Amino acid sequence: MKYLKKVLLATGLIATTLGMSVSANAGAIIQQDIYADVLFADFNPFGITEGPQWIGSVTYNTDTADGAGFLSTDGVELDLSIGSLSLTMADSLSVQDDLPVVAAINPFDPFAGLDFMIEVFNLYGDMPDYVLTLDISSFGGFLLLDEVFYDQNGGVEDVFEIVFGETTLGEVTYVPEPSALVLMLAGLGLLVRRKVAAK
């Protein structure tokens, strides 16, 4: 009976490992933190200050990439937290104008992390007082907040850069898919059952 339990336990753990490796080879959901070193921050209503800071994360599904590595909009989630601003992909111009997200991975190394992503946010409305541009990439990028002034006819009269910083991406973190979690829980369940039976 003990031999049978050991075989069942080993089988469960092997199935868990194989299930996760098959899932990873087919594609992966990846999350990376986004950091900014704000080099210049003039007075702004969002309380953005100078200095290095975590400003959010990007999560993407490598399965949604085309042959060139470009990701589809529904395969990317962006969560930004800059000063008092909390923004997601739903706030970006690419979503509002029904345009494809401008983000890509390396098609020859899809699990190495995001190659680049560019998003623009109008804060707020069709004639925004502020425009936030986020450019992130594996080799560096930037964060830019512009204040926009209009003339009497509604045309742009002037644009002032009030926040500027450099952005970097954090390490790749794999987000387990539901199927992998089920297999892992099954393996853990066998371990717990074995411990209980041994007592």
Foldseek 3Di string as FASTA:
>chain_A
DVVVLVVVLVVLVVCLVVQQVVVVVLKFKKKKWKKKQWPFAADDPLQADGGIDTFWMKIFIQNQADQQFFHFPVGMWTWTHGRNDTDIPCQWPCVVVVHGWGWGAHNVCRQFDTAKGWTKGACDDPLGQKIWIDIEGQVKDKIWIKGFDADPVSHTDDIDTRIMIMMYIGGIDTDDDPVSVVSVVSSVVSVVVVVVVVD
